[in-house]
Amino acid sequence: METYNLTTATELQQAVHTIKTAILKSQSRAARLISGTQLSLYFGVGLYVSSNSRKGTWGTGAIEVISNQLRRELPGLKGFSAQNIRNMRQFAEFWQTYLIYSPMASKMEFAELQHEIECDRFSLAKWSPIASEINRDEFLGISFSHHMEILHKTKKIDEVLHCIHETVIHQWDKYTLRDVLKIGIPQPENIAPNNFAQTISSSQHAMKAIRMFKDEYLLDYINVEDIDAQEDDVDERLVEQRIIHNIKRFIMTLGKDFAFVGNQYHLEIYGEDMWSDLLFFNRELNALVAIELKIGKFKPAYLGQLYAYLQVLDDKVRKPHENPSIGIVLCKMANQAYAEYAVRDYNKPMGIATYKTFADMPIEMQHILPDVDALKKILEESIEQS
């Protein structure tokens, strides 16, 4: 059990009074603490505790004493355990650098932090200009528990901001976010926009799917000149034929454990015929994977078409022991933020990815890659060894 200096009892009582006043002031502004108000309160308390416990006069065990006294004086108070007060301190110490930090901060400003708690530092009028790169709505849109799950995993600001963004977009609860972070920090540069966390019941299975599909694939065997000369529907068929002609390479591009089922896979329901461009089965996910090819920019209508295919696949093709089918729209271009927004309200697991052809690569990279014959030889050798 930590101890504290008995000579500081009056000071600790003052600390209890100061924090309690801040709590009551915050509660008086709203019947209940919404996320933004709570974060602002916790940030203010965290700065106050940091100023007094790190560089101030508080002795060891002070936080335990303050926590216990607060809960005695405010029966039913939640969120102010000693550990959570330490979390508030960690939260404030991390974010003050990006939200309020000034290299010209005076000793007087520091002294004010030691004796006063400001509860509305996150109000729009007080949002620091240096925080312009931080999405304020996303920052305030997740709970303190979400913030702490992220900060316990990483202190890199780009990773923290991306985790916040992904949490908001996918509407992850605290436990789903924890499962995501156990596997690793989501990387913005290679994860396809998707709704897997919301639509796949098993968190572990959802995380596998999230990691499985990249946001972009290189299809360097597609003849762009031929494609550009055709109508849209012929374009997509040409892309499909190039992939089929190079199906082994395409499977290697997708990743491990993919098996090709067929192209223009016929589906029928209530007398209506439809054809899925490319159908695969993934052993790791134990699920059919339908890929819908598009040669232009992503459109929300593509998701509706893919959704219909997934419905029929699950009802007519999927085996009883298999997981629900997954759909991927593979198009030439996509606004990732818009794609994430468009897909999130569907209740079938779907993602959006883009592809580049050989001609899309920088000239210097084109010279680095081996020619088609060399790639075929590498592929054949790898297949023989497997």
Protein backbone atom coordinates (compact mmCIF):
# COMPACT_ATOMS: atom_id res chain seq x y z
CA MET A 1 0.00 0.00 0.00
CA GLU A 2 1.41 3.39 -1.00
CA THR A 3 1.82 5.99 1.74
CA TYR A 4 1.56 9.75 1.66
CA ASN A 5 2.98 12.55 3.73
CA LEU A 6 0.61 13.35 6.60
CA THR A 7 1.69 16.98 6.49
CA THR A 8 -0.11 17.31 3.16
CA ALA A 9 -3.55 16.31 4.50
CA THR A 10 -4.91 19.85 4.17
CA GLU A 11 -3.55 20.08 0.65
CA LEU A 12 -5.14 16.75 -0.29
CA GLN A 13 -8.46 17.86 1.14
CA GLN A 14 -8.20 20.97 -1.01
CA ALA A 15 -7.48 18.70 -3.99
CA VAL A 16 -10.63 16.69 -3.23
CA HIS A 17 -12.65 19.89 -3.01
CA THR A 18 -11.20 21.21 -6.28
CA ILE A 19 -11.92 18.01 -8.23
CA LYS A 20 -15.39 17.67 -6.69
CA THR A 21 -16.21 21.24 -7.69
CA ALA A 22 -15.10 20.51 -11.25
CA ILE A 23 -17.26 17.37 -11.36
CA LEU A 24 -20.36 19.16 -10.08
CA LYS A 25 -19.77 22.08 -12.43
CA SER A 26 -19.56 19.69 -15.37
CA GLN A 27 -22.67 17.77 -14.29
CA SER A 28 -24.64 20.98 -13.90
CA ARG A 29 -24.13 21.83 -17.58
CA ALA A 30 -25.85 18.67 -18.74
CA ALA A 31 -28.13 16.09 -17.20
CA ARG A 32 -25.67 13.43 -18.23
CA LEU A 33 -22.11 13.51 -19.44
CA ILE A 34 -21.99 13.10 -23.18
CA SER A 35 -18.72 11.91 -24.63
CA GLY A 36 -17.30 15.33 -25.47
CA THR A 37 -18.16 16.84 -22.09
CA GLN A 38 -16.75 13.84 -20.27
CA LEU A 39 -13.53 13.94 -22.28
CA SER A 40 -13.13 17.64 -21.55
CA LEU A 41 -13.67 17.04 -17.83
CA TYR A 42 -11.25 14.11 -17.75
CA PHE A 43 -8.68 16.14 -19.69
CA GLY A 44 -8.94 18.99 -17.19
CA VAL A 45 -8.69 16.64 -14.21
CA GLY A 46 -5.78 14.85 -15.89
CA LEU A 47 -3.85 18.10 -16.35
CA TYR A 48 -4.51 19.06 -12.75
CA VAL A 49 -3.37 15.68 -11.41
CA SER A 50 -0.33 15.68 -13.69
CA SER A 51 0.78 19.15 -12.55
CA ASN A 52 0.52 18.22 -8.89
CA SER A 53 1.75 14.61 -8.96
CA ARG A 54 4.56 14.89 -11.49
CA LYS A 55 6.10 18.22 -10.57
CA GLY A 56 4.05 19.31 -7.58
CA THR A 57 4.12 18.39 -3.92
CA TRP A 58 1.78 15.40 -3.81
CA GLY A 59 3.33 12.38 -2.16
CA THR A 60 2.93 8.72 -3.08
CA GLY A 61 -0.53 7.37 -2.42
CA ALA A 62 -2.16 10.77 -2.93
CA ILE A 63 -4.25 9.62 -5.88
CA GLU A 64 -5.71 6.71 -3.87
CA VAL A 65 -6.62 9.05 -1.03
CA ILE A 66 -8.26 11.55 -3.40
CA SER A 67 -10.20 8.79 -5.19
CA ASN A 68 -11.53 7.30 -1.96
CA GLN A 69 -12.52 10.69 -0.55
CA LEU A 70 -14.28 11.72 -3.78
CA ARG A 71 -16.39 8.58 -3.76
CA ARG A 72 -17.31 9.12 -0.10
CA GLU A 73 -18.39 12.70 -0.72
CA LEU A 74 -20.15 11.92 -4.02
CA PRO A 75 -21.92 8.56 -3.47
CA GLY A 76 -22.50 6.65 -6.67
CA LEU A 77 -19.72 8.48 -8.49
CA LYS A 78 -18.29 6.34 -11.28
CA GLY A 79 -15.14 6.71 -13.32
CA PHE A 80 -12.94 8.13 -10.58
CA SER A 81 -11.12 5.10 -9.29
CA ALA A 82 -7.43 5.62 -8.61
CA GLN A 83 -6.57 3.75 -11.81
CA ASN A 84 -8.97 5.82 -13.89
CA ILE A 85 -7.57 9.05 -12.46
CA ARG A 86 -4.14 7.83 -13.57
CA ASN A 87 -5.66 7.14 -16.99
CA MET A 88 -6.95 10.74 -17.06
CA ARG A 89 -3.42 11.89 -16.32
CA GLN A 90 -2.04 9.76 -19.15
CA PHE A 91 -4.77 11.00 -21.51
CA ALA A 92 -4.03 14.65 -20.68
CA GLU A 93 -0.26 14.28 -20.83
CA PHE A 94 -0.45 12.76 -24.29
CA TRP A 95 -2.96 15.18 -25.83
CA GLN A 96 -1.80 18.44 -24.27
CA THR A 97 1.19 18.42 -26.62
CA TYR A 98 -1.14 18.46 -29.62
CA LEU A 99 -4.06 20.46 -28.24
CA ILE A 100 -2.82 23.17 -25.86
CA TYR A 101 0.93 22.92 -25.62
CA SER A 102 2.86 26.18 -26.05
CA PRO A 103 6.66 26.31 -25.82
CA MET A 104 6.23 29.78 -24.32
CA ALA A 105 4.07 28.52 -21.43
CA SER A 106 4.88 30.56 -18.36
CA LYS A 107 5.41 29.49 -14.77
CA MET A 108 2.17 31.31 -13.96
CA GLU A 109 0.25 29.08 -16.42
CA PHE A 110 1.77 26.03 -14.78
CA ALA A 111 0.81 27.37 -11.35
CA GLU A 112 -2.78 27.82 -12.53
CA LEU A 113 -2.91 24.16 -13.56
CA GLN A 114 -1.90 23.19 -10.04
CA HIS A 115 -4.83 25.00 -8.41
CA GLU A 116 -7.66 25.12 -10.94
CA ILE A 117 -9.48 22.74 -13.29
CA GLU A 118 -10.98 24.04 -16.52
CA CYS A 119 -13.83 21.76 -17.64
CA ASP A 120 -14.45 23.03 -21.15
CA ARG A 121 -11.03 23.07 -22.80
CA PHE A 122 -12.53 21.13 -25.72
CA SER A 123 -15.18 23.72 -26.51
CA LEU A 124 -14.92 24.98 -30.09
CA ALA A 125 -13.85 28.45 -28.99
CA LYS A 126 -10.92 27.00 -27.05
CA TRP A 127 -9.85 24.32 -29.55
CA SER A 128 -6.22 25.12 -30.21
CA PRO A 129 -5.23 26.32 -33.72
CA ILE A 130 -2.31 23.88 -33.63
CA ALA A 131 -4.89 21.05 -33.50
CA SER A 132 -6.27 21.89 -36.94
CA GLU A 133 -5.04 18.57 -38.35
CA ILE A 134 -7.07 16.64 -35.77
CA ASN A 135 -10.64 15.79 -36.71
CA ARG A 136 -12.45 17.35 -33.76
CA ASP A 137 -15.74 15.52 -34.36
CA GLU A 138 -13.99 12.14 -34.45
CA PHE A 139 -11.84 12.97 -31.42
CA LEU A 140 -14.90 13.89 -29.35
CA GLY A 141 -17.03 11.16 -30.92
CA ILE A 142 -15.52 8.21 -29.06
CA SER A 143 -15.58 7.46 -25.37
CA PHE A 144 -12.77 7.87 -22.86
CA SER A 145 -12.55 4.06 -22.68
CA HIS A 146 -11.93 3.94 -26.43
CA HIS A 147 -9.23 6.59 -26.13
CA MET A 148 -7.47 4.67 -23.40
CA GLU A 149 -7.61 1.37 -25.31
CA ILE A 150 -5.79 3.16 -28.13
CA LEU A 151 -3.25 4.97 -25.91
CA HIS A 152 -2.42 1.75 -24.10
CA LYS A 153 -1.45 0.29 -27.48
CA THR A 154 0.37 3.15 -29.23
CA LYS A 155 1.69 6.66 -28.61
CA LYS A 156 2.40 7.47 -32.26
CA ILE A 157 0.09 10.33 -33.20
CA ASP A 158 -0.56 9.13 -36.76
CA GLU A 159 -1.53 5.68 -35.49
CA VAL A 160 -3.66 7.14 -32.70
CA LEU A 161 -5.57 9.38 -35.12
CA HIS A 162 -6.12 6.54 -37.56
CA CYS A 163 -7.38 4.24 -34.78
CA ILE A 164 -9.83 6.97 -33.75
CA HIS A 165 -10.97 7.34 -37.36
CA GLU A 166 -11.45 3.60 -37.83
CA THR A 167 -13.36 3.35 -34.53
CA VAL A 168 -15.78 6.09 -35.63
CA ILE A 169 -16.22 4.78 -39.18
CA HIS A 170 -16.81 1.17 -38.12
CA GLN A 171 -18.66 2.07 -34.91
CA TRP A 172 -16.54 -0.36 -32.89
CA ASP A 173 -17.46 -0.83 -29.27
CA LYS A 174 -14.65 -0.95 -26.71
CA TYR A 175 -14.31 -4.73 -26.86
CA THR A 176 -14.19 -4.93 -30.66
CA LEU A 177 -11.56 -2.17 -30.67
CA ARG A 178 -9.56 -4.16 -28.13
CA ASP A 179 -9.71 -7.25 -30.37
CA VAL A 180 -8.56 -5.16 -33.34
CA LEU A 181 -5.62 -3.76 -31.40
CA LYS A 182 -4.58 -7.20 -30.16
CA ILE A 183 -3.94 -8.21 -33.76
CA GLY A 184 -2.12 -4.97 -34.55
CA ILE A 185 -2.48 -1.28 -35.25
CA PRO A 186 -4.73 -0.69 -38.28
CA GLN A 187 -2.64 0.73 -41.11
CA PRO A 188 -4.39 3.37 -43.23
CA GLU A 189 -2.31 2.69 -46.30
CA ASN A 190 -3.30 -0.92 -46.94
CA ILE A 191 -6.69 -1.76 -45.42
CA ALA A 192 -9.64 -1.84 -47.80
CA PRO A 193 -12.70 0.19 -46.73
CA ASN A 194 -15.09 -2.41 -45.30
CA ASN A 195 -17.90 -3.19 -42.85
CA PHE A 196 -16.49 -6.51 -41.61
CA ALA A 197 -16.43 -5.58 -37.92
CA GLN A 198 -20.17 -4.79 -37.98
CA THR A 199 -21.33 -7.68 -40.17
CA ILE A 200 -19.18 -10.64 -39.09
CA SER A 201 -20.32 -11.97 -35.73
CA SER A 202 -16.97 -13.36 -34.60
CA SER A 203 -14.53 -10.56 -33.75
CA GLN A 204 -11.59 -12.83 -34.49
CA HIS A 205 -13.04 -13.78 -37.87
CA ALA A 206 -13.79 -10.13 -38.64
CA MET A 207 -10.21 -9.12 -37.88
CA LYS A 208 -8.90 -11.84 -40.18
CA ALA A 209 -11.08 -10.50 -42.97
CA ILE A 210 -9.95 -6.93 -42.31
CA ARG A 211 -6.31 -7.99 -42.59
CA MET A 212 -6.99 -10.23 -45.60
CA PHE A 213 -8.06 -7.61 -48.14
CA LYS A 214 -5.81 -4.74 -49.18
CA ASP A 215 -7.03 -1.40 -50.43
CA GLU A 216 -5.11 -1.69 -53.70
CA TYR A 217 -3.84 -4.48 -55.99
CA LEU A 218 -1.37 -4.38 -58.86
CA LEU A 219 -2.71 -6.06 -62.01
CA ASP A 220 0.23 -5.38 -64.29
CA TYR A 221 -0.90 -7.92 -66.91
CA ILE A 222 -3.95 -5.88 -68.01
CA ASN A 223 -3.66 -4.28 -71.48
CA VAL A 224 -4.89 -0.75 -70.83
CA GLU A 225 -4.82 0.22 -74.52
CA ASP A 226 -7.33 -2.50 -75.39
CA ILE A 227 -9.59 -1.63 -72.50
CA ASP A 228 -9.75 2.09 -73.20
CA ALA A 229 -11.02 1.45 -76.72
CA GLN A 230 -14.14 -0.41 -75.60
CA GLU A 231 -17.56 0.32 -74.12
CA ASP A 232 -17.92 0.06 -70.33
CA ASP A 233 -19.50 -3.40 -70.22
CA VAL A 234 -16.89 -4.76 -72.63
CA ASP A 235 -14.15 -3.09 -70.59
CA GLU A 236 -15.07 -5.03 -67.47
CA ARG A 237 -15.22 -8.29 -69.42
CA LEU A 238 -11.74 -7.61 -70.80
CA VAL A 239 -10.41 -6.98 -67.29
CA GLU A 240 -12.02 -10.23 -66.22
CA GLN A 241 -10.50 -12.14 -69.13
CA ARG A 242 -7.04 -10.78 -68.37
CA ILE A 243 -7.43 -11.96 -64.78
CA ILE A 244 -8.71 -15.39 -65.82
CA HIS A 245 -5.80 -15.74 -68.25
CA ASN A 246 -3.47 -14.96 -65.34
CA ILE A 247 -5.55 -16.53 -62.59
CA LYS A 248 -2.59 -18.05 -60.74
CA ARG A 249 -0.91 -14.68 -60.50
CA PHE A 250 -4.14 -13.04 -59.41
CA ILE A 251 -4.55 -15.58 -56.61
CA MET A 252 -1.00 -14.88 -55.49
CA THR A 253 -1.87 -11.16 -55.51
CA LEU A 254 -4.92 -11.76 -53.30
CA GLY A 255 -2.90 -13.70 -50.73
CA LYS A 256 -2.83 -17.14 -49.19
CA ASP A 257 -5.56 -19.78 -49.05
CA PHE A 258 -7.64 -18.54 -52.00
CA ALA A 259 -9.13 -21.12 -54.38
CA PHE A 260 -10.73 -20.13 -57.68
CA VAL A 261 -14.35 -21.29 -58.07
CA GLY A 262 -15.31 -19.66 -61.36
CA ASN A 263 -15.95 -16.53 -63.40
CA GLN A 264 -19.35 -15.29 -64.54
CA TYR A 265 -20.67 -17.65 -61.89
CA HIS A 266 -24.37 -18.18 -62.56
CA LEU A 267 -26.80 -17.35 -59.77
CA GLU A 268 -30.59 -17.63 -59.99
CA ILE A 269 -33.38 -16.71 -57.62
CA TYR A 270 -37.15 -16.47 -58.33
CA GLY A 271 -36.50 -16.72 -62.07
CA GLU A 272 -33.99 -13.86 -62.03
CA ASP A 273 -30.52 -14.65 -63.42
CA MET A 274 -27.33 -12.93 -62.37
CA TRP A 275 -23.62 -13.60 -62.84
CA SER A 276 -20.86 -12.93 -60.34
CA ASP A 277 -17.70 -11.76 -62.12
CA LEU A 278 -15.21 -13.78 -60.04
CA LEU A 279 -15.91 -16.27 -57.27
CA PHE A 280 -13.29 -17.63 -54.89
CA PHE A 281 -13.23 -19.63 -51.68
CA ASN A 282 -10.86 -18.72 -48.86
CA ARG A 283 -9.87 -21.58 -46.56
CA GLU A 284 -8.66 -19.30 -43.76
CA LEU A 285 -11.97 -17.42 -43.66
CA ASN A 286 -13.99 -20.53 -44.57
CA ALA A 287 -16.10 -18.34 -46.83
CA LEU A 288 -16.95 -17.72 -50.46
CA VAL A 289 -15.53 -14.45 -51.77
CA ALA A 290 -17.30 -12.72 -54.66
CA ILE A 291 -15.35 -10.05 -56.53
CA GLU A 292 -17.21 -7.55 -58.67
CA LEU A 293 -15.01 -5.87 -61.29
CA LYS A 294 -15.49 -2.23 -62.32
CA ILE A 295 -13.28 -0.22 -64.65
CA GLY A 296 -14.17 3.26 -63.42
CA LYS A 297 -14.54 5.13 -60.15
CA PHE A 298 -16.40 3.57 -57.24
CA LYS A 299 -20.16 4.16 -57.14
CA PRO A 300 -22.50 3.23 -54.26
CA ALA A 301 -24.71 1.36 -56.72
CA TYR A 302 -21.99 -1.27 -57.07
CA LEU A 303 -22.56 -2.26 -53.44
CA GLY A 304 -26.26 -2.87 -54.11
CA GLN A 305 -25.41 -5.17 -56.99
CA LEU A 306 -22.84 -7.05 -54.92
CA TYR A 307 -25.27 -7.28 -52.00
CA ALA A 308 -27.76 -9.13 -54.22
CA TYR A 309 -25.08 -11.63 -55.23
CA LEU A 310 -24.16 -12.27 -51.60
CA GLN A 311 -27.79 -12.89 -50.69
CA VAL A 312 -28.13 -15.60 -53.34
CA LEU A 313 -24.70 -17.09 -52.58
CA ASP A 314 -25.62 -17.47 -48.91
CA ASP A 315 -29.07 -18.87 -49.66
CA LYS A 316 -28.24 -21.16 -52.58
CA VAL A 317 -24.49 -21.89 -52.73
CA ARG A 318 -22.96 -21.64 -49.27
CA LYS A 319 -22.52 -24.92 -47.37
CA PRO A 320 -23.94 -25.26 -43.85
CA HIS A 321 -20.49 -25.36 -42.24
CA GLU A 322 -19.23 -22.27 -44.10
CA ASN A 323 -19.22 -18.67 -42.89
CA PRO A 324 -21.31 -15.99 -44.64
CA SER A 325 -20.02 -14.98 -48.06
CA ILE A 326 -17.83 -11.89 -48.44
CA GLY A 327 -18.00 -9.43 -51.32
CA ILE A 328 -15.32 -7.12 -52.74
CA VAL A 329 -15.87 -4.35 -55.27
CA LEU A 330 -12.63 -4.07 -57.28
CA CYS A 331 -12.61 -0.80 -59.19
CA LYS A 332 -10.10 1.54 -60.80
CA MET A 333 -10.50 4.45 -58.37
CA ALA A 334 -12.19 5.10 -55.02
CA ASN A 335 -12.43 7.87 -52.47
CA GLN A 336 -11.63 5.80 -49.39
CA ALA A 337 -13.48 7.96 -46.88
CA TYR A 338 -16.60 7.96 -49.06
CA ALA A 339 -16.31 4.21 -49.66
CA GLU A 340 -16.12 3.58 -45.91
CA TYR A 341 -19.20 5.76 -45.44
CA ALA A 342 -21.15 4.04 -48.21
CA VAL A 343 -20.51 0.47 -47.06
CA ARG A 344 -21.09 0.77 -43.33
CA ASP A 345 -24.92 0.43 -43.32
CA TYR A 346 -25.05 -2.83 -45.30
CA ASN A 347 -25.57 -6.01 -43.28
CA LYS A 348 -23.54 -8.28 -45.56
CA PRO A 349 -19.72 -8.26 -45.27
CA MET A 350 -18.35 -6.15 -48.11
CA GLY A 351 -15.24 -4.15 -48.94
CA ILE A 352 -13.99 -1.84 -51.67
CA ALA A 353 -10.54 -2.13 -53.25
CA THR A 354 -8.84 -0.53 -56.22
CA TYR A 355 -6.36 -1.84 -58.77
CA LYS A 356 -3.48 -0.43 -60.77
CA THR A 357 -2.15 -1.66 -64.08
CA PHE A 358 1.47 -1.78 -65.14
CA ALA A 359 1.08 1.57 -66.90
CA ASP A 360 -0.05 3.22 -63.64
CA MET A 361 3.29 2.53 -61.96
CA PRO A 362 6.11 5.11 -61.93
CA ILE A 363 8.53 4.64 -64.84
CA GLU A 364 11.42 3.85 -62.52
CA MET A 365 9.38 1.04 -60.90
CA GLN A 366 8.44 -0.41 -64.29
CA HIS A 367 12.11 -0.94 -65.09
CA ILE A 368 12.71 -2.68 -61.76
CA LEU A 369 10.05 -5.35 -62.31
CA PRO A 370 10.96 -8.47 -64.34
CA ASP A 371 9.18 -8.97 -67.66
CA VAL A 372 6.11 -11.19 -68.08
CA ASP A 373 8.12 -14.28 -69.08
CA ALA A 374 10.32 -13.92 -66.01
CA LEU A 375 7.28 -13.55 -63.75
CA LYS A 376 5.72 -16.69 -65.27
CA LYS A 377 8.93 -18.62 -64.58
CA ILE A 378 9.00 -17.40 -60.97
CA LEU A 379 5.34 -18.40 -60.55
CA GLU A 380 5.85 -21.89 -62.06
CA GLU A 381 8.87 -22.52 -59.82
CA SER A 382 6.96 -21.43 -56.70
CA ILE A 383 4.04 -23.72 -57.58
CA GLU A 384 6.34 -26.69 -58.16
CA GLN A 385 7.98 -26.15 -54.77
CA SER A 386 4.67 -25.83 -52.90
